[in-house]
Amino acid sequence: MLSGSLQDPHLFELPPMAVKTIEHGAVFIRNGMGYDNWFEKILTSHVISRDKMICVSCFLALKENTNPHLWFSVPDMKKLAIRLSEKFSALLPTQKVVFADNLARFEKTLDQIEEKQQEIRQRFSDLSYAATEPVFNIMLDSLGFHTINMTVLPFWRNTLSSSIRVFLPVGVWPWEDLAKFGQ
């Protein structure tokens, strides 16, 4: 267990076993968009070499204010997979062929996801969505759905048409409102 709060600006105290695990880690993947600042503090407090770290948002050259849910972007995950294959191949050169094969299989899987996304884009190109959290926005945008700005939602809510589907967490609107709009 970490001692202290995740909000605590002071460095974390880790149990000895956790420190040992971190110190022996060969590769660390971090989002880099503010989600893992707590992990950054752990790494720096235990002097973990920067060459062991892969910062996804850094090598993707993403701007601040980018949706931090990077894992929902198939193209970005392809880039991460390539980076990991290169990193693991450098660490274990005798296994380079294994990593290349694994990468090829993973890329094939991601290609299948992209094909399915294309089908969905063609089938549902006229749909829009609004969400209170941007968790799936990257995926929904890649599916061709149109984002509705939540700041206009109170006015817009009363003008819904049957061509719009809204993805909201349970409890945001009463169930009867959702049913009225065909959800």
N, C-alpha and C. Protein backbone atom coordinates (compact mmCIF):
# COMPACT_ATOMS: atom_id res chain seq x y z
N MET A 1 0.84 -1.19 0.00
CA MET A 1 0.00 0.00 0.00
C MET A 1 0.87 1.24 0.00
N LEU A 2 0.40 2.23 -0.69
CA LEU A 2 1.06 3.52 -0.66
C LEU A 2 0.64 4.21 0.63
N SER A 3 1.59 4.87 1.26
CA SER A 3 1.18 5.67 2.41
C SER A 3 0.95 7.08 1.91
N GLY A 4 0.00 7.74 2.48
CA GLY A 4 -0.33 9.09 2.03
C GLY A 4 -1.43 9.06 0.99
N SER A 5 -1.85 10.22 0.61
CA SER A 5 -2.94 10.36 -0.34
C SER A 5 -2.38 10.56 -1.74
N LEU A 6 -3.15 10.16 -2.76
CA LEU A 6 -2.72 10.41 -4.14
C LEU A 6 -2.64 11.91 -4.41
N GLN A 7 -3.35 12.69 -3.63
CA GLN A 7 -3.32 14.14 -3.79
C GLN A 7 -2.12 14.76 -3.06
N ASP A 8 -1.49 14.01 -2.19
CA ASP A 8 -0.39 14.49 -1.38
C ASP A 8 0.79 14.88 -2.26
N PRO A 9 1.27 16.11 -2.15
CA PRO A 9 2.38 16.54 -2.99
C PRO A 9 3.72 15.91 -2.58
N HIS A 10 3.79 15.31 -1.41
CA HIS A 10 5.03 14.69 -0.96
C HIS A 10 5.22 13.34 -1.62
N LEU A 11 6.44 12.90 -1.65
CA LEU A 11 6.73 11.60 -2.27
C LEU A 11 6.10 10.47 -1.48
N PHE A 12 5.80 9.40 -2.17
CA PHE A 12 5.16 8.26 -1.55
C PHE A 12 6.17 7.37 -0.85
N GLU A 13 5.74 6.80 0.23
CA GLU A 13 6.53 5.77 0.89
C GLU A 13 5.99 4.43 0.41
N LEU A 14 6.85 3.59 -0.13
CA LEU A 14 6.42 2.30 -0.63
C LEU A 14 6.96 1.19 0.24
N PRO A 15 6.21 0.09 0.32
CA PRO A 15 6.74 -1.07 1.04
C PRO A 15 7.98 -1.58 0.32
N PRO A 16 8.91 -2.18 1.04
CA PRO A 16 10.16 -2.64 0.42
C PRO A 16 9.96 -3.56 -0.79
N MET A 17 8.96 -4.44 -0.75
CA MET A 17 8.72 -5.34 -1.87
C MET A 17 8.32 -4.57 -3.13
N ALA A 18 7.51 -3.53 -2.96
CA ALA A 18 7.11 -2.71 -4.11
C ALA A 18 8.31 -1.98 -4.69
N VAL A 19 9.17 -1.46 -3.83
CA VAL A 19 10.37 -0.76 -4.29
C VAL A 19 11.25 -1.72 -5.08
N LYS A 20 11.41 -2.92 -4.55
CA LYS A 20 12.24 -3.93 -5.24
C LYS A 20 11.65 -4.26 -6.61
N THR A 21 10.35 -4.40 -6.67
CA THR A 21 9.68 -4.70 -7.94
C THR A 21 9.91 -3.57 -8.94
N ILE A 22 9.74 -2.34 -8.49
CA ILE A 22 9.94 -1.19 -9.37
C ILE A 22 11.39 -1.10 -9.82
N GLU A 23 12.32 -1.29 -8.89
CA GLU A 23 13.73 -1.18 -9.23
C GLU A 23 14.17 -2.23 -10.25
N HIS A 24 13.49 -3.37 -10.26
CA HIS A 24 13.85 -4.44 -11.19
C HIS A 24 13.04 -4.40 -12.49
N GLY A 25 12.12 -3.45 -12.58
CA GLY A 25 11.32 -3.33 -13.79
C GLY A 25 12.21 -2.95 -14.98
N ALA A 26 11.94 -3.54 -16.12
CA ALA A 26 12.73 -3.26 -17.32
C ALA A 26 12.12 -2.15 -18.16
N VAL A 27 10.79 -2.06 -18.13
CA VAL A 27 10.09 -1.07 -18.94
C VAL A 27 8.88 -0.56 -18.15
N PHE A 28 8.69 0.74 -18.18
CA PHE A 28 7.54 1.36 -17.55
C PHE A 28 6.80 2.14 -18.61
N ILE A 29 5.49 1.92 -18.70
CA ILE A 29 4.67 2.64 -19.67
C ILE A 29 3.81 3.62 -18.89
N ARG A 30 3.88 4.86 -19.31
CA ARG A 30 3.02 5.85 -18.67
C ARG A 30 2.28 6.64 -19.72
N ASN A 31 1.11 7.05 -19.36
CA ASN A 31 0.23 7.81 -20.23
C ASN A 31 0.86 9.16 -20.55
N GLY A 32 1.27 9.88 -19.52
CA GLY A 32 1.91 11.17 -19.71
C GLY A 32 0.97 12.35 -19.86
N MET A 33 -0.33 12.11 -19.72
CA MET A 33 -1.30 13.19 -19.87
C MET A 33 -1.89 13.60 -18.52
N GLY A 34 -1.14 13.34 -17.46
CA GLY A 34 -1.57 13.74 -16.13
C GLY A 34 -2.23 12.63 -15.33
N TYR A 35 -2.54 11.52 -15.96
CA TYR A 35 -3.17 10.40 -15.25
C TYR A 35 -2.22 9.72 -14.29
N ASP A 36 -0.96 9.76 -14.61
CA ASP A 36 -0.02 8.96 -13.84
C ASP A 36 1.07 9.80 -13.18
N ASN A 37 0.72 11.01 -12.79
CA ASN A 37 1.69 11.84 -12.07
C ASN A 37 2.14 11.17 -10.78
N TRP A 38 1.24 10.46 -10.14
CA TRP A 38 1.59 9.74 -8.91
C TRP A 38 2.69 8.72 -9.19
N PHE A 39 2.64 8.06 -10.35
CA PHE A 39 3.65 7.06 -10.68
C PHE A 39 4.97 7.75 -11.01
N GLU A 40 4.89 8.88 -11.64
CA GLU A 40 6.08 9.68 -11.94
C GLU A 40 6.82 10.00 -10.64
N LYS A 41 6.07 10.36 -9.60
CA LYS A 41 6.68 10.67 -8.31
C LYS A 41 7.36 9.44 -7.73
N ILE A 42 6.74 8.29 -7.88
CA ILE A 42 7.34 7.05 -7.39
C ILE A 42 8.64 6.77 -8.14
N LEU A 43 8.59 6.89 -9.45
CA LEU A 43 9.78 6.61 -10.25
C LEU A 43 10.93 7.55 -9.90
N THR A 44 10.63 8.82 -9.79
CA THR A 44 11.71 9.77 -9.49
C THR A 44 12.20 9.62 -8.06
N SER A 45 11.32 9.27 -7.14
CA SER A 45 11.75 9.12 -5.75
C SER A 45 12.62 7.89 -5.57
N HIS A 46 12.56 6.96 -6.49
CA HIS A 46 13.38 5.75 -6.39
C HIS A 46 14.41 5.68 -7.51
N VAL A 47 14.69 6.81 -8.12
CA VAL A 47 15.73 6.97 -9.12
C VAL A 47 15.67 5.87 -10.18
N ILE A 48 14.55 5.80 -10.86
CA ILE A 48 14.38 4.86 -11.96
C ILE A 48 14.87 5.55 -13.23
N SER A 49 15.70 4.88 -13.96
CA SER A 49 16.27 5.44 -15.18
C SER A 49 15.19 5.81 -16.18
N ARG A 50 15.32 6.99 -16.78
CA ARG A 50 14.36 7.47 -17.78
C ARG A 50 14.36 6.59 -19.03
N ASP A 51 15.45 5.90 -19.32
CA ASP A 51 15.48 5.06 -20.52
C ASP A 51 14.61 3.81 -20.35
N LYS A 52 14.14 3.57 -19.14
CA LYS A 52 13.22 2.45 -18.91
C LYS A 52 11.76 2.84 -19.13
N MET A 53 11.53 4.14 -19.30
CA MET A 53 10.16 4.63 -19.36
C MET A 53 9.73 4.95 -20.79
N ILE A 54 8.51 4.54 -21.11
CA ILE A 54 7.89 4.92 -22.37
C ILE A 54 6.72 5.83 -22.00
N CYS A 55 6.80 7.06 -22.43
CA CYS A 55 5.73 8.03 -22.22
C CYS A 55 4.93 8.10 -23.52
N VAL A 56 3.73 7.55 -23.51
CA VAL A 56 2.93 7.42 -24.73
C VAL A 56 2.62 8.79 -25.33
N SER A 57 2.14 9.71 -24.53
CA SER A 57 1.79 11.03 -25.07
C SER A 57 3.03 11.76 -25.57
N CYS A 58 4.19 11.46 -25.02
CA CYS A 58 5.42 12.13 -25.46
C CYS A 58 5.81 11.69 -26.86
N PHE A 59 5.85 10.37 -27.11
CA PHE A 59 6.27 9.95 -28.44
C PHE A 59 5.18 10.15 -29.49
N LEU A 60 3.95 10.34 -29.05
CA LEU A 60 2.88 10.68 -29.99
C LEU A 60 2.84 12.19 -30.25
N ALA A 61 3.64 12.94 -29.48
CA ALA A 61 3.71 14.40 -29.58
C ALA A 61 2.32 15.04 -29.44
N LEU A 62 1.60 14.61 -28.41
CA LEU A 62 0.26 15.14 -28.17
C LEU A 62 0.34 16.47 -27.44
N LYS A 63 -0.62 17.33 -27.71
CA LYS A 63 -0.69 18.63 -27.06
C LYS A 63 -1.36 18.48 -25.70
N GLU A 64 -1.07 19.43 -24.82
CA GLU A 64 -1.75 19.48 -23.53
C GLU A 64 -3.24 19.59 -23.82
N ASN A 65 -4.16 19.28 -23.06
CA ASN A 65 -5.61 19.34 -23.30
C ASN A 65 -6.10 18.29 -24.29
N THR A 66 -5.26 17.36 -24.72
CA THR A 66 -5.71 16.25 -25.56
C THR A 66 -6.44 15.27 -24.65
N ASN A 67 -7.44 14.59 -25.18
CA ASN A 67 -8.15 13.57 -24.40
C ASN A 67 -7.12 12.57 -23.89
N PRO A 68 -7.04 12.38 -22.57
CA PRO A 68 -6.01 11.50 -22.00
C PRO A 68 -6.30 10.00 -22.13
N HIS A 69 -7.43 9.63 -22.66
CA HIS A 69 -7.80 8.22 -22.78
C HIS A 69 -7.18 7.63 -24.04
N LEU A 70 -5.87 7.65 -24.09
CA LEU A 70 -5.10 7.27 -25.27
C LEU A 70 -5.31 5.83 -25.71
N TRP A 71 -5.67 4.97 -24.79
CA TRP A 71 -5.75 3.54 -25.07
C TRP A 71 -6.90 3.19 -26.01
N PHE A 72 -7.79 4.14 -26.27
CA PHE A 72 -8.92 3.89 -27.16
C PHE A 72 -8.63 4.24 -28.62
N SER A 73 -7.43 4.69 -28.88
CA SER A 73 -7.04 5.04 -30.25
C SER A 73 -6.26 3.88 -30.86
N VAL A 74 -6.86 3.22 -31.82
CA VAL A 74 -6.19 2.07 -32.46
C VAL A 74 -4.87 2.49 -33.11
N PRO A 75 -4.83 3.58 -33.89
CA PRO A 75 -3.54 3.97 -34.47
C PRO A 75 -2.46 4.25 -33.42
N ASP A 76 -2.86 4.87 -32.32
CA ASP A 76 -1.89 5.15 -31.26
C ASP A 76 -1.41 3.87 -30.58
N MET A 77 -2.31 2.90 -30.44
CA MET A 77 -1.89 1.64 -29.83
C MET A 77 -0.96 0.85 -30.76
N LYS A 78 -1.16 1.01 -32.06
CA LYS A 78 -0.21 0.41 -33.01
C LYS A 78 1.18 1.01 -32.80
N LYS A 79 1.23 2.33 -32.65
CA LYS A 79 2.52 2.99 -32.44
C LYS A 79 3.16 2.55 -31.13
N LEU A 80 2.35 2.38 -30.08
CA LEU A 80 2.89 1.90 -28.81
C LEU A 80 3.40 0.47 -28.95
N ALA A 81 2.67 -0.36 -29.66
CA ALA A 81 3.10 -1.76 -29.85
C ALA A 81 4.44 -1.81 -30.58
N ILE A 82 4.60 -0.97 -31.57
CA ILE A 82 5.88 -0.92 -32.30
C ILE A 82 6.99 -0.49 -31.35
N ARG A 83 6.71 0.55 -30.57
CA ARG A 83 7.71 1.05 -29.60
C ARG A 83 8.09 -0.05 -28.60
N LEU A 84 7.08 -0.79 -28.11
CA LEU A 84 7.37 -1.87 -27.16
C LEU A 84 8.18 -2.99 -27.80
N SER A 85 7.83 -3.35 -29.01
CA SER A 85 8.58 -4.39 -29.72
C SER A 85 10.05 -3.98 -29.88
N GLU A 86 10.26 -2.73 -30.24
CA GLU A 86 11.64 -2.21 -30.37
C GLU A 86 12.36 -2.24 -29.03
N LYS A 87 11.67 -1.80 -27.99
CA LYS A 87 12.28 -1.74 -26.65
C LYS A 87 12.63 -3.13 -26.15
N PHE A 88 11.68 -4.07 -26.28
CA PHE A 88 11.94 -5.44 -25.82
C PHE A 88 13.03 -6.10 -26.65
N SER A 89 13.05 -5.83 -27.94
CA SER A 89 14.08 -6.39 -28.81
C SER A 89 15.46 -5.88 -28.43
N ALA A 90 15.54 -4.61 -28.02
CA ALA A 90 16.82 -4.06 -27.58
C ALA A 90 17.26 -4.69 -26.26
N LEU A 91 16.28 -4.96 -25.39
CA LEU A 91 16.61 -5.57 -24.09
C LEU A 91 16.98 -7.04 -24.22
N LEU A 92 16.30 -7.75 -25.13
CA LEU A 92 16.51 -9.19 -25.32
C LEU A 92 16.72 -9.47 -26.82
N PRO A 93 17.88 -9.12 -27.34
CA PRO A 93 18.11 -9.25 -28.79
C PRO A 93 17.92 -10.66 -29.33
N THR A 94 18.14 -11.67 -28.51
CA THR A 94 17.97 -13.04 -28.99
C THR A 94 16.50 -13.39 -29.20
N GLN A 95 15.60 -12.56 -28.67
CA GLN A 95 14.16 -12.81 -28.80
C GLN A 95 13.51 -11.86 -29.81
N LYS A 96 14.31 -11.15 -30.58
CA LYS A 96 13.80 -10.15 -31.52
C LYS A 96 12.76 -10.73 -32.47
N VAL A 97 12.96 -11.95 -32.95
CA VAL A 97 12.01 -12.59 -33.88
C VAL A 97 10.68 -12.84 -33.17
N VAL A 98 10.73 -13.25 -31.94
CA VAL A 98 9.51 -13.49 -31.16
C VAL A 98 8.72 -12.19 -31.01
N PHE A 99 9.43 -11.12 -30.67
CA PHE A 99 8.75 -9.83 -30.51
C PHE A 99 8.17 -9.35 -31.84
N ALA A 100 8.88 -9.56 -32.91
CA ALA A 100 8.38 -9.17 -34.24
C ALA A 100 7.13 -9.98 -34.61
N ASP A 101 7.14 -11.27 -34.32
CA ASP A 101 5.97 -12.11 -34.59
C ASP A 101 4.78 -11.67 -33.74
N ASN A 102 5.04 -11.40 -32.47
CA ASN A 102 3.96 -10.94 -31.58
C ASN A 102 3.39 -9.61 -32.07
N LEU A 103 4.27 -8.72 -32.51
CA LEU A 103 3.83 -7.44 -33.03
C LEU A 103 2.95 -7.63 -34.27
N ALA A 104 3.37 -8.51 -35.16
CA ALA A 104 2.60 -8.75 -36.39
C ALA A 104 1.21 -9.29 -36.06
N ARG A 105 1.14 -10.22 -35.10
CA ARG A 105 -0.17 -10.76 -34.71
C ARG A 105 -1.04 -9.68 -34.07
N PHE A 106 -0.44 -8.86 -33.22
CA PHE A 106 -1.20 -7.79 -32.56
C PHE A 106 -1.68 -6.78 -33.59
N GLU A 107 -0.83 -6.41 -34.53
CA GLU A 107 -1.23 -5.46 -35.57
C GLU A 107 -2.37 -6.02 -36.42
N LYS A 108 -2.34 -7.31 -36.65
CA LYS A 108 -3.43 -7.95 -37.40
C LYS A 108 -4.75 -7.81 -36.64
N THR A 109 -4.70 -8.00 -35.35
CA THR A 109 -5.89 -7.84 -34.51
C THR A 109 -6.39 -6.39 -34.56
N LEU A 110 -5.46 -5.45 -34.48
CA LEU A 110 -5.85 -4.05 -34.56
C LEU A 110 -6.41 -3.71 -35.94
N ASP A 111 -5.87 -4.33 -36.98
CA ASP A 111 -6.42 -4.13 -38.33
C ASP A 111 -7.87 -4.59 -38.40
N GLN A 112 -8.17 -5.71 -37.74
CA GLN A 112 -9.55 -6.21 -37.71
C GLN A 112 -10.47 -5.22 -36.99
N ILE A 113 -9.96 -4.62 -35.92
CA ILE A 113 -10.75 -3.62 -35.20
C ILE A 113 -11.00 -2.42 -36.10
N GLU A 114 -9.97 -1.99 -36.83
CA GLU A 114 -10.14 -0.86 -37.75
C GLU A 114 -11.14 -1.18 -38.86
N GLU A 115 -11.13 -2.41 -39.35
CA GLU A 115 -12.12 -2.81 -40.36
C GLU A 115 -13.53 -2.73 -39.80
N LYS A 116 -13.70 -3.20 -38.58
CA LYS A 116 -15.02 -3.14 -37.92
C LYS A 116 -15.43 -1.69 -37.69
N GLN A 117 -14.48 -0.85 -37.33
CA GLN A 117 -14.77 0.57 -37.15
C GLN A 117 -15.26 1.19 -38.47
N GLN A 118 -14.63 0.80 -39.57
CA GLN A 118 -15.03 1.31 -40.88
C GLN A 118 -16.47 0.90 -41.20
N GLU A 119 -16.81 -0.35 -40.90
CA GLU A 119 -18.19 -0.82 -41.10
C GLU A 119 -19.17 0.03 -40.29
N ILE A 120 -18.82 0.28 -39.04
CA ILE A 120 -19.69 1.06 -38.16
C ILE A 120 -19.80 2.49 -38.67
N ARG A 121 -18.69 3.07 -39.12
CA ARG A 121 -18.72 4.44 -39.67
C ARG A 121 -19.68 4.53 -40.85
N GLN A 122 -19.65 3.53 -41.70
CA GLN A 122 -20.54 3.55 -42.87
C GLN A 122 -22.00 3.36 -42.47
N ARG A 123 -22.23 2.52 -41.50
CA ARG A 123 -23.60 2.19 -41.10
C ARG A 123 -24.26 3.27 -40.25
N PHE A 124 -23.48 3.94 -39.41
CA PHE A 124 -24.05 4.88 -38.45
C PHE A 124 -23.47 6.28 -38.59
N SER A 125 -23.17 6.71 -39.78
CA SER A 125 -22.49 7.98 -39.98
C SER A 125 -23.31 9.20 -39.57
N ASP A 126 -24.60 9.03 -39.38
CA ASP A 126 -25.45 10.18 -39.05
C ASP A 126 -25.72 10.32 -37.56
N LEU A 127 -25.08 9.53 -36.73
CA LEU A 127 -25.36 9.57 -35.30
C LEU A 127 -24.45 10.55 -34.57
N SER A 128 -25.01 11.13 -33.51
CA SER A 128 -24.26 12.03 -32.64
C SER A 128 -24.33 11.49 -31.23
N TYR A 129 -23.43 11.99 -30.39
CA TYR A 129 -23.45 11.58 -28.99
C TYR A 129 -23.00 12.74 -28.12
N ALA A 130 -23.40 12.66 -26.88
CA ALA A 130 -22.92 13.58 -25.85
C ALA A 130 -22.55 12.72 -24.66
N ALA A 131 -21.54 13.11 -23.94
CA ALA A 131 -21.11 12.33 -22.79
C ALA A 131 -20.63 13.27 -21.70
N THR A 132 -20.81 12.86 -20.47
CA THR A 132 -20.35 13.67 -19.35
C THR A 132 -18.87 13.44 -19.08
N GLU A 133 -18.32 12.36 -19.56
CA GLU A 133 -16.90 12.04 -19.40
C GLU A 133 -16.34 11.70 -20.77
N PRO A 134 -15.11 12.08 -21.06
CA PRO A 134 -14.53 11.83 -22.38
C PRO A 134 -13.88 10.46 -22.53
N VAL A 135 -14.22 9.51 -21.69
CA VAL A 135 -13.54 8.22 -21.69
C VAL A 135 -13.55 7.57 -23.07
N PHE A 136 -14.69 7.46 -23.70
CA PHE A 136 -14.78 6.75 -24.97
C PHE A 136 -14.83 7.68 -26.18
N ASN A 137 -14.64 8.97 -25.99
CA ASN A 137 -14.75 9.91 -27.10
C ASN A 137 -13.80 9.58 -28.25
N ILE A 138 -12.58 9.17 -27.95
CA ILE A 138 -11.62 8.84 -29.01
C ILE A 138 -12.18 7.71 -29.86
N MET A 139 -12.71 6.69 -29.22
CA MET A 139 -13.27 5.55 -29.96
C MET A 139 -14.52 5.96 -30.72
N LEU A 140 -15.42 6.69 -30.06
CA LEU A 140 -16.65 7.11 -30.72
C LEU A 140 -16.36 8.02 -31.91
N ASP A 141 -15.40 8.91 -31.75
CA ASP A 141 -15.01 9.77 -32.87
C ASP A 141 -14.44 8.94 -34.02
N SER A 142 -13.65 7.92 -33.69
CA SER A 142 -13.08 7.07 -34.74
C SER A 142 -14.16 6.25 -35.44
N LEU A 143 -15.29 6.07 -34.77
CA LEU A 143 -16.41 5.36 -35.38
C LEU A 143 -17.24 6.28 -36.27
N GLY A 144 -16.88 7.55 -36.29
CA GLY A 144 -17.58 8.51 -37.14
C GLY A 144 -18.75 9.20 -36.48
N PHE A 145 -18.97 8.97 -35.19
CA PHE A 145 -20.06 9.64 -34.49
C PHE A 145 -19.67 11.10 -34.28
N HIS A 146 -20.66 11.95 -34.20
CA HIS A 146 -20.42 13.38 -34.05
C HIS A 146 -20.61 13.77 -32.59
N THR A 147 -19.65 14.49 -32.05
CA THR A 147 -19.70 14.94 -30.67
C THR A 147 -20.61 16.15 -30.54
N ILE A 148 -21.43 16.13 -29.51
CA ILE A 148 -22.28 17.27 -29.20
C ILE A 148 -21.67 17.95 -27.98
N ASN A 149 -21.47 19.22 -28.05
CA ASN A 149 -20.88 19.98 -26.95
C ASN A 149 -21.83 19.95 -25.75
N MET A 150 -21.34 19.44 -24.63
CA MET A 150 -22.19 19.32 -23.43
C MET A 150 -22.62 20.68 -22.88
N THR A 151 -21.93 21.76 -23.21
CA THR A 151 -22.33 23.06 -22.67
C THR A 151 -23.65 23.53 -23.26
N VAL A 152 -24.06 22.99 -24.39
CA VAL A 152 -25.35 23.37 -24.97
C VAL A 152 -26.44 22.36 -24.64
N LEU A 153 -26.11 21.35 -23.86
CA LEU A 153 -27.05 20.27 -23.59
C LEU A 153 -28.37 20.72 -22.95
N PRO A 154 -28.39 21.62 -21.96
CA PRO A 154 -29.69 21.99 -21.37
C PRO A 154 -30.67 22.54 -22.41
N PHE A 155 -30.21 23.36 -23.33
CA PHE A 155 -31.09 23.87 -24.38
C PHE A 155 -31.37 22.78 -25.40
N TRP A 156 -30.35 22.10 -25.81
CA TRP A 156 -30.43 21.10 -26.86
C TRP A 156 -31.29 19.91 -26.45
N ARG A 157 -31.30 19.59 -25.17
CA ARG A 157 -32.01 18.42 -24.66
C ARG A 157 -33.47 18.39 -25.11
N ASN A 158 -34.10 19.52 -25.19
CA ASN A 158 -35.51 19.58 -25.54
C ASN A 158 -35.75 19.53 -27.05
N THR A 159 -34.68 19.47 -27.83
CA THR A 159 -34.84 19.48 -29.29
C THR A 159 -34.30 18.21 -29.92
N LEU A 160 -34.24 17.13 -29.15
CA LEU A 160 -33.69 15.88 -29.67
C LEU A 160 -34.53 15.33 -30.82
N SER A 161 -33.87 14.79 -31.79
CA SER A 161 -34.57 14.13 -32.88
C SER A 161 -34.25 12.65 -32.84
N SER A 162 -34.94 11.86 -33.63
CA SER A 162 -34.72 10.41 -33.62
C SER A 162 -33.38 10.02 -34.22
N SER A 163 -32.68 10.94 -34.89
CA SER A 163 -31.39 10.58 -35.47
C SER A 163 -30.25 10.73 -34.49
N ILE A 164 -30.56 11.16 -33.27
CA ILE A 164 -29.51 11.38 -32.28
C ILE A 164 -29.63 10.35 -31.17
N ARG A 165 -28.52 9.73 -30.84
CA ARG A 165 -28.47 8.81 -29.70
C ARG A 165 -27.53 9.43 -28.69
N VAL A 166 -27.89 9.37 -27.43
CA VAL A 166 -27.09 9.98 -26.39
C VAL A 166 -26.56 8.90 -25.47
N PHE A 167 -25.27 8.89 -25.24
CA PHE A 167 -24.65 7.93 -24.34
C PHE A 167 -24.30 8.66 -23.06
N LEU A 168 -25.08 8.42 -22.02
CA LEU A 168 -24.85 9.07 -20.75
C LEU A 168 -24.88 8.04 -19.63
N PRO A 169 -24.16 8.29 -18.55
CA PRO A 169 -24.21 7.36 -17.43
C PRO A 169 -25.60 7.32 -16.81
N VAL A 170 -25.93 6.19 -16.20
CA VAL A 170 -27.22 6.05 -15.53
C VAL A 170 -27.35 7.15 -14.48
N GLY A 171 -28.52 7.73 -14.39
CA GLY A 171 -28.77 8.72 -13.37
C GLY A 171 -28.59 10.15 -13.82
N VAL A 172 -28.06 10.37 -15.03
CA VAL A 172 -27.89 11.74 -15.49
C VAL A 172 -29.24 12.33 -15.83
N TRP A 173 -30.03 11.58 -16.56
CA TRP A 173 -31.40 11.97 -16.84
C TRP A 173 -32.29 10.87 -16.27
N PRO A 174 -33.51 11.23 -15.86
CA PRO A 174 -34.42 10.18 -15.39
C PRO A 174 -34.68 9.16 -16.50
N TRP A 175 -34.92 7.93 -16.10
CA TRP A 175 -35.16 6.85 -17.07
C TRP A 175 -36.27 7.19 -18.05
N GLU A 176 -37.32 7.84 -17.56
CA GLU A 176 -38.43 8.14 -18.47
C GLU A 176 -38.01 9.09 -19.59
N ASP A 177 -37.08 10.01 -19.32
CA ASP A 177 -36.56 10.89 -20.37
C ASP A 177 -35.80 10.08 -21.41
N LEU A 178 -34.99 9.14 -20.94
CA LEU A 178 -34.24 8.31 -21.88
C LEU A 178 -35.18 7.49 -22.75
N ALA A 179 -36.21 6.93 -22.14
CA ALA A 179 -37.17 6.13 -22.90
C ALA A 179 -37.89 6.99 -23.93
N LYS A 180 -38.22 8.23 -23.54
CA LYS A 180 -38.91 9.14 -24.44
C LYS A 180 -38.08 9.42 -25.70
N PHE A 181 -36.75 9.41 -25.56
CA PHE A 181 -35.87 9.71 -26.68
C PHE A 181 -35.40 8.44 -27.38
N GLY A 182 -36.05 7.31 -27.14
CA GLY A 182 -35.75 6.09 -27.87
C GLY A 182 -34.53 5.33 -27.41
N GLN A 183 -34.12 5.50 -26.17
CA GLN A 183 -32.93 4.81 -25.68
C GLN A 183 -33.29 3.46 -25.09
